[in-house]
Amino acid sequence: MAELELPKLGDVVRSKNGRFKGEFFVVVGIEDDFAFLVNGKQRKMDSPKKKKIKHLEMGIGNSSHISEKLANGLKVTNNEVRITINSVEGD
């Protein structure tokens, strides 16, 4: 079985399956085979979506600003998440 590519904090990913199929998210946490995702709208920082990593499309982008804040334990706002996703969607 092929090794799964693991996302990093601050990565922008797209859901490949489920209710949010095709939508962009930012990774704010990783635990075992799961990533915790937010989009700043339906899934906010206070209630991230837990999704299996194999159901994510990776390599879309990364926000160094958000990854640095998460690594340092600083608060990331829903607005910062939306701005990051909008910048990727616009490409």
N, C-alpha and C. Protein backbone atom coordinates (compact mmCIF):
# COMPACT_ATOMS: atom_id res chain seq x y z
N MET A 1 0.85 -1.19 0.00
CA MET A 1 0.00 0.00 0.00
C MET A 1 0.88 1.24 0.00
N ALA A 2 0.53 2.22 -0.79
CA ALA A 2 1.32 3.44 -0.92
C ALA A 2 1.25 4.28 0.35
N GLU A 3 2.35 4.94 0.63
CA GLU A 3 2.43 5.82 1.79
C GLU A 3 1.63 7.08 1.52
N LEU A 4 0.79 7.47 2.47
CA LEU A 4 0.00 8.70 2.31
C LEU A 4 0.88 9.92 2.51
N GLU A 5 0.66 10.92 1.67
CA GLU A 5 1.32 12.21 1.86
C GLU A 5 0.63 12.87 3.04
N LEU A 6 1.41 13.32 4.01
CA LEU A 6 0.83 13.95 5.20
C LEU A 6 0.79 15.46 5.03
N PRO A 7 -0.33 16.06 5.37
CA PRO A 7 -0.41 17.53 5.31
C PRO A 7 0.37 18.15 6.46
N LYS A 8 0.69 19.42 6.31
CA LYS A 8 1.35 20.18 7.36
C LYS A 8 0.40 21.27 7.85
N LEU A 9 0.64 21.76 9.04
CA LEU A 9 -0.17 22.85 9.56
C LEU A 9 -0.10 24.03 8.60
N GLY A 10 -1.24 24.62 8.31
CA GLY A 10 -1.30 25.76 7.41
C GLY A 10 -1.50 25.39 5.95
N ASP A 11 -1.46 24.08 5.62
CA ASP A 11 -1.68 23.66 4.24
C ASP A 11 -3.13 23.92 3.83
N VAL A 12 -3.30 24.32 2.58
CA VAL A 12 -4.63 24.45 2.00
C VAL A 12 -4.90 23.14 1.26
N VAL A 13 -6.02 22.50 1.59
CA VAL A 13 -6.38 21.22 0.99
C VAL A 13 -7.80 21.30 0.45
N ARG A 14 -8.16 20.31 -0.38
CA ARG A 14 -9.52 20.23 -0.92
C ARG A 14 -10.10 18.88 -0.52
N SER A 15 -11.35 18.88 -0.09
CA SER A 15 -12.05 17.65 0.27
C SER A 15 -12.40 16.88 -0.99
N LYS A 16 -12.07 15.56 -1.00
CA LYS A 16 -12.37 14.72 -2.15
C LYS A 16 -13.67 13.93 -1.97
N ASN A 17 -14.16 13.83 -0.74
CA ASN A 17 -15.34 13.03 -0.45
C ASN A 17 -16.20 13.71 0.59
N GLY A 18 -17.46 13.29 0.65
CA GLY A 18 -18.34 13.73 1.72
C GLY A 18 -19.12 14.99 1.41
N ARG A 19 -19.75 15.49 2.43
CA ARG A 19 -20.62 16.65 2.32
C ARG A 19 -19.90 17.89 1.80
N PHE A 20 -18.63 18.02 2.13
CA PHE A 20 -17.86 19.20 1.74
C PHE A 20 -16.99 18.93 0.51
N LYS A 21 -17.35 17.94 -0.31
CA LYS A 21 -16.57 17.57 -1.50
C LYS A 21 -16.32 18.79 -2.39
N GLY A 22 -15.04 18.98 -2.75
CA GLY A 22 -14.66 20.08 -3.63
C GLY A 22 -14.35 21.39 -2.92
N GLU A 23 -14.60 21.46 -1.62
CA GLU A 23 -14.36 22.71 -0.89
C GLU A 23 -12.94 22.76 -0.34
N PHE A 24 -12.41 23.98 -0.23
CA PHE A 24 -11.08 24.22 0.30
C PHE A 24 -11.13 24.39 1.81
N PHE A 25 -10.07 23.91 2.47
CA PHE A 25 -9.92 24.04 3.91
C PHE A 25 -8.45 24.31 4.23
N VAL A 26 -8.20 24.81 5.44
CA VAL A 26 -6.85 24.97 5.96
C VAL A 26 -6.66 23.96 7.09
N VAL A 27 -5.53 23.26 7.10
CA VAL A 27 -5.22 22.27 8.13
C VAL A 27 -4.75 23.00 9.38
N VAL A 28 -5.44 22.75 10.50
CA VAL A 28 -5.06 23.38 11.76
C VAL A 28 -4.63 22.36 12.82
N GLY A 29 -4.70 21.09 12.47
CA GLY A 29 -4.27 20.04 13.39
C GLY A 29 -4.17 18.71 12.67
N ILE A 30 -3.32 17.83 13.19
CA ILE A 30 -3.13 16.50 12.62
C ILE A 30 -3.04 15.51 13.78
N GLU A 31 -3.77 14.40 13.65
CA GLU A 31 -3.76 13.36 14.67
C GLU A 31 -3.95 12.01 13.99
N ASP A 32 -2.96 11.15 14.05
CA ASP A 32 -2.99 9.84 13.42
C ASP A 32 -3.33 9.97 11.93
N ASP A 33 -4.42 9.35 11.48
CA ASP A 33 -4.82 9.40 10.07
C ASP A 33 -5.84 10.50 9.80
N PHE A 34 -5.97 11.45 10.70
CA PHE A 34 -6.97 12.49 10.57
C PHE A 34 -6.32 13.87 10.53
N ALA A 35 -6.98 14.78 9.81
CA ALA A 35 -6.59 16.19 9.81
C ALA A 35 -7.78 16.99 10.33
N PHE A 36 -7.51 18.06 11.04
CA PHE A 36 -8.56 18.96 11.53
C PHE A 36 -8.56 20.17 10.62
N LEU A 37 -9.72 20.44 10.02
CA LEU A 37 -9.83 21.42 8.95
C LEU A 37 -10.80 22.54 9.30
N VAL A 38 -10.48 23.75 8.82
CA VAL A 38 -11.38 24.89 8.98
C VAL A 38 -11.44 25.64 7.65
N ASN A 39 -12.58 26.31 7.43
CA ASN A 39 -12.70 27.16 6.25
C ASN A 39 -13.13 28.58 6.63
N GLY A 40 -13.32 28.83 7.92
CA GLY A 40 -13.67 30.17 8.38
C GLY A 40 -15.14 30.52 8.22
N LYS A 41 -15.93 29.62 7.59
CA LYS A 41 -17.37 29.86 7.41
C LYS A 41 -18.15 28.80 8.16
N GLN A 42 -18.44 27.67 7.49
CA GLN A 42 -19.19 26.60 8.16
C GLN A 42 -18.35 25.93 9.25
N ARG A 43 -17.07 25.78 8.98
CA ARG A 43 -16.16 25.16 9.95
C ARG A 43 -15.18 26.21 10.43
N LYS A 44 -15.45 26.69 11.64
CA LYS A 44 -14.64 27.78 12.21
C LYS A 44 -13.56 27.22 13.13
N MET A 45 -12.69 28.09 13.58
CA MET A 45 -11.56 27.68 14.43
C MET A 45 -12.01 27.00 15.71
N ASP A 46 -13.18 27.34 16.22
CA ASP A 46 -13.63 26.73 17.47
C ASP A 46 -14.29 25.37 17.27
N SER A 47 -14.53 24.95 16.01
CA SER A 47 -15.11 23.62 15.75
C SER A 47 -14.61 23.07 14.41
N PRO A 48 -13.32 22.68 14.37
CA PRO A 48 -12.77 22.17 13.12
C PRO A 48 -13.38 20.83 12.71
N LYS A 49 -13.35 20.55 11.42
CA LYS A 49 -13.84 19.30 10.84
C LYS A 49 -12.74 18.26 10.94
N LYS A 50 -13.06 17.09 11.49
CA LYS A 50 -12.11 15.98 11.56
C LYS A 50 -12.33 15.12 10.32
N LYS A 51 -11.31 14.98 9.48
CA LYS A 51 -11.46 14.27 8.21
C LYS A 51 -10.25 13.37 7.98
N LYS A 52 -10.50 12.19 7.43
CA LYS A 52 -9.40 11.27 7.12
C LYS A 52 -8.50 11.89 6.05
N ILE A 53 -7.20 11.75 6.27
CA ILE A 53 -6.22 12.33 5.36
C ILE A 53 -6.36 11.76 3.95
N LYS A 54 -6.75 10.49 3.83
CA LYS A 54 -6.87 9.90 2.49
C LYS A 54 -7.99 10.52 1.67
N HIS A 55 -8.87 11.29 2.31
CA HIS A 55 -9.97 11.96 1.62
C HIS A 55 -9.64 13.41 1.26
N LEU A 56 -8.35 13.76 1.32
CA LEU A 56 -7.94 15.14 1.04
C LEU A 56 -7.03 15.21 -0.17
N GLU A 57 -7.21 16.25 -0.97
CA GLU A 57 -6.30 16.55 -2.08
C GLU A 57 -5.30 17.57 -1.57
N MET A 58 -4.03 17.20 -1.62
CA MET A 58 -2.99 18.06 -1.08
C MET A 58 -2.23 18.79 -2.19
N GLY A 59 -1.29 19.64 -1.78
CA GLY A 59 -0.43 20.33 -2.74
C GLY A 59 -1.07 21.56 -3.36
N ILE A 60 -2.13 22.06 -2.77
CA ILE A 60 -2.83 23.22 -3.34
C ILE A 60 -2.15 24.51 -2.91
N GLY A 61 -1.68 24.56 -1.68
CA GLY A 61 -1.02 25.76 -1.18
C GLY A 61 -0.69 25.63 0.29
N ASN A 62 -0.02 26.64 0.80
CA ASN A 62 0.32 26.68 2.22
C ASN A 62 0.38 28.13 2.66
N SER A 63 -0.09 28.38 3.86
CA SER A 63 -0.01 29.71 4.45
C SER A 63 1.06 29.69 5.53
N SER A 64 2.21 30.27 5.22
CA SER A 64 3.29 30.30 6.21
C SER A 64 2.88 31.13 7.42
N HIS A 65 2.07 32.16 7.19
CA HIS A 65 1.58 33.00 8.28
C HIS A 65 0.77 32.17 9.29
N ILE A 66 -0.18 31.38 8.78
CA ILE A 66 -1.01 30.55 9.66
C ILE A 66 -0.19 29.44 10.29
N SER A 67 0.69 28.79 9.53
CA SER A 67 1.48 27.70 10.10
C SER A 67 2.40 28.20 11.22
N GLU A 68 2.98 29.39 11.05
CA GLU A 68 3.83 29.95 12.11
C GLU A 68 3.01 30.26 13.36
N LYS A 69 1.82 30.83 13.17
CA LYS A 69 0.98 31.15 14.33
C LYS A 69 0.57 29.88 15.07
N LEU A 70 0.19 28.84 14.33
CA LEU A 70 -0.21 27.58 14.96
C LEU A 70 0.97 26.94 15.70
N ALA A 71 2.14 26.97 15.08
CA ALA A 71 3.34 26.38 15.70
C ALA A 71 3.73 27.11 16.99
N ASN A 72 3.44 28.42 17.05
CA ASN A 72 3.79 29.21 18.23
C ASN A 72 2.65 29.32 19.23
N GLY A 73 1.54 28.63 18.96
CA GLY A 73 0.42 28.64 19.90
C GLY A 73 -0.37 29.94 19.89
N LEU A 74 -0.26 30.71 18.82
CA LEU A 74 -1.00 31.97 18.73
C LEU A 74 -2.37 31.74 18.09
N LYS A 75 -3.29 32.65 18.34
CA LYS A 75 -4.65 32.52 17.82
C LYS A 75 -4.70 32.85 16.33
N VAL A 76 -5.37 31.98 15.59
CA VAL A 76 -5.63 32.21 14.17
C VAL A 76 -7.11 32.57 14.05
N THR A 77 -7.41 33.64 13.34
CA THR A 77 -8.80 34.07 13.23
C THR A 77 -9.46 33.44 12.00
N ASN A 78 -10.78 33.37 12.04
CA ASN A 78 -11.54 32.85 10.90
C ASN A 78 -11.34 33.73 9.67
N ASN A 79 -11.15 35.03 9.88
CA ASN A 79 -10.91 35.94 8.77
C ASN A 79 -9.59 35.61 8.07
N GLU A 80 -8.55 35.29 8.83
CA GLU A 80 -7.26 34.92 8.24
C GLU A 80 -7.41 33.65 7.40
N VAL A 81 -8.21 32.71 7.88
CA VAL A 81 -8.44 31.47 7.14
C VAL A 81 -9.16 31.77 5.83
N ARG A 82 -10.21 32.60 5.89
CA ARG A 82 -10.97 32.94 4.68
C ARG A 82 -10.10 33.65 3.65
N ILE A 83 -9.25 34.57 4.12
CA ILE A 83 -8.35 35.30 3.22
C ILE A 83 -7.40 34.32 2.52
N THR A 84 -6.86 33.36 3.27
CA THR A 84 -5.95 32.36 2.71
C THR A 84 -6.65 31.52 1.65
N ILE A 85 -7.85 31.04 1.96
CA ILE A 85 -8.60 30.22 1.01
C ILE A 85 -8.99 31.02 -0.22
N ASN A 86 -9.42 32.27 -0.02
CA ASN A 86 -9.79 33.11 -1.17
C ASN A 86 -8.61 33.38 -2.09
N SER A 87 -7.42 33.50 -1.53
CA SER A 87 -6.24 33.75 -2.37
C SER A 87 -5.92 32.52 -3.21
N VAL A 88 -6.18 31.32 -2.71
CA VAL A 88 -5.94 30.10 -3.46
C VAL A 88 -7.03 29.88 -4.50
N GLU A 89 -8.27 30.14 -4.13
CA GLU A 89 -9.41 29.96 -5.05
C GLU A 89 -9.29 30.90 -6.24
N GLY A 90 -8.70 32.07 -6.03
CA GLY A 90 -8.58 33.04 -7.10
C GLY A 90 -7.55 32.68 -8.15
N ASP A 91 -6.63 31.75 -7.81
CA ASP A 91 -5.57 31.36 -8.76
C ASP A 91 -6.10 30.53 -9.90
